[in-house]
Structure formats: C-alpha cells, structure tokens
C-alpha cells in the first residue's frame, strides 16, 4: 500500500485548518489538533479512500459533519459515494 504524499497532506492541513479558524474562531494549534485527531483526517491519510478528490472544501465539509453529528459519513460528500 502506498502512502498519501506528504506535500498533499500539508496542503490539506493548511487549507482545512484555515477554514476551521475562519468559521469557528479557534487558534491555529487548536484547529490543527481538532483536524488531525478527527476520523476525517484518518480517512484522508488512507490512500485507498482517495479522499483528496473532494478538494479542501469537501474535506472541510466532511470534517464539519463529523464535528456536528459525530460521524464523517453524514456528510453529503460521503452519502453520494
């Protein structure tokens, strides 16, 4: 099994964390921690799931659905799959 490229993860970390900060007002460290500890991030780092295809806005939506409902699978992005 191959890994998700580090530069791709860095890009998603930066973009999703920026959205979390803008929408929820968390500090950068807290926002990063919330993202990195999420099921959404675990899914993003699994190369078999190919989550990067959703783009940063989609990943943020999935993370936000997880945060609100407790499961990333409640996101409209994942219900369509």
Protein backbone atom coordinates (compact mmCIF):
# COMPACT_ATOMS: atom_id res chain seq x y z
CA UNK A 1 0.00 0.00 0.00
CA UNK A 2 1.38 3.40 -0.94
CA UNK A 3 1.18 6.47 1.26
CA UNK A 4 -0.54 9.76 0.58
CA UNK A 5 2.21 12.23 -0.41
CA UNK A 6 3.33 14.46 2.46
CA UNK A 7 3.07 17.63 0.36
CA UNK A 8 -0.57 16.80 -0.42
CA UNK A 9 -1.34 16.30 3.28
CA UNK A 10 0.43 19.57 4.11
CA UNK A 11 -1.77 21.36 1.57
CA UNK A 12 -4.96 19.88 3.01
CA UNK A 13 -3.82 20.57 6.58
CA UNK A 14 -3.26 24.22 5.73
CA UNK A 15 -6.49 24.71 3.77
CA UNK A 16 -8.84 22.85 6.12
CA UNK A 17 -7.31 24.39 9.24
CA UNK A 18 -7.68 27.85 7.69
CA UNK A 19 -11.39 27.16 7.14
CA UNK A 20 -11.83 25.88 10.71
CA UNK A 21 -10.16 29.03 12.07
CA UNK A 22 -12.23 31.34 9.87
CA UNK A 23 -15.57 29.70 10.65
CA UNK A 24 -15.14 28.72 14.29
CA UNK A 25 -12.54 31.17 15.59
CA UNK A 26 -10.18 28.57 17.02
CA UNK A 27 -6.49 29.32 17.34
CA UNK A 28 -4.21 27.65 14.81
CA UNK A 29 -2.90 24.97 17.18
CA UNK A 30 -6.34 24.04 18.42
CA UNK A 31 -7.79 23.93 14.91
CA UNK A 32 -4.89 21.77 13.71
CA UNK A 33 -5.34 19.41 16.65
CA UNK A 34 -9.06 19.07 16.01
CA UNK A 35 -8.41 18.22 12.38
CA UNK A 36 -5.50 15.84 12.96
CA UNK A 37 -7.40 13.90 15.63
CA UNK A 38 -10.54 13.50 13.53
CA UNK A 39 -11.86 10.47 11.70
CA UNK A 40 -11.90 12.68 8.63
CA UNK A 41 -8.12 13.08 8.81
CA UNK A 42 -7.67 9.33 9.26
CA UNK A 43 -9.74 8.81 6.14
CA UNK A 44 -7.75 11.46 4.25
CA UNK A 45 -4.47 9.74 5.10
CA UNK A 46 -5.74 6.38 3.88
CA UNK A 47 -4.60 6.20 0.24
CA UNK A 48 -7.23 3.59 -0.60
CA UNK A 49 -10.04 6.06 0.14
CA UNK A 50 -8.73 8.72 -2.28
CA UNK A 51 -10.38 11.45 -0.19
CA UNK A 52 -8.19 14.17 -1.75
CA UNK A 53 -10.51 14.03 -4.76
CA UNK A 54 -13.08 16.03 -2.77
CA UNK A 55 -10.79 19.07 -2.53
CA UNK A 56 -10.24 21.19 0.60
CA UNK A 57 -13.83 22.48 0.71
CA UNK A 58 -15.17 18.93 0.56
CA UNK A 59 -12.77 17.72 3.25
CA UNK A 60 -13.79 20.66 5.43
CA UNK A 61 -17.46 19.76 4.89
CA UNK A 62 -16.76 16.15 5.87
CA UNK A 63 -14.84 17.29 8.97
CA UNK A 64 -17.65 19.69 9.90
CA UNK A 65 -20.27 16.95 9.51
CA UNK A 66 -18.19 14.75 11.78
CA UNK A 67 -17.88 17.56 14.33
CA UNK A 68 -21.62 18.26 14.34
CA UNK A 69 -23.06 14.75 14.02
CA UNK A 70 -20.26 12.56 15.34
CA UNK A 71 -19.64 10.81 12.03
CA UNK A 72 -17.97 11.97 8.83
CA UNK A 73 -20.26 9.59 6.94
CA UNK A 74 -23.13 12.04 7.49
CA UNK A 75 -21.54 14.48 5.04
CA UNK A 76 -23.34 14.91 1.74
CA UNK A 77 -19.98 14.16 0.06
CA UNK A 78 -19.86 10.67 1.52
CA UNK A 79 -23.56 9.89 1.24
CA UNK A 80 -23.21 10.29 -2.54
CA UNK A 81 -20.45 7.67 -2.75
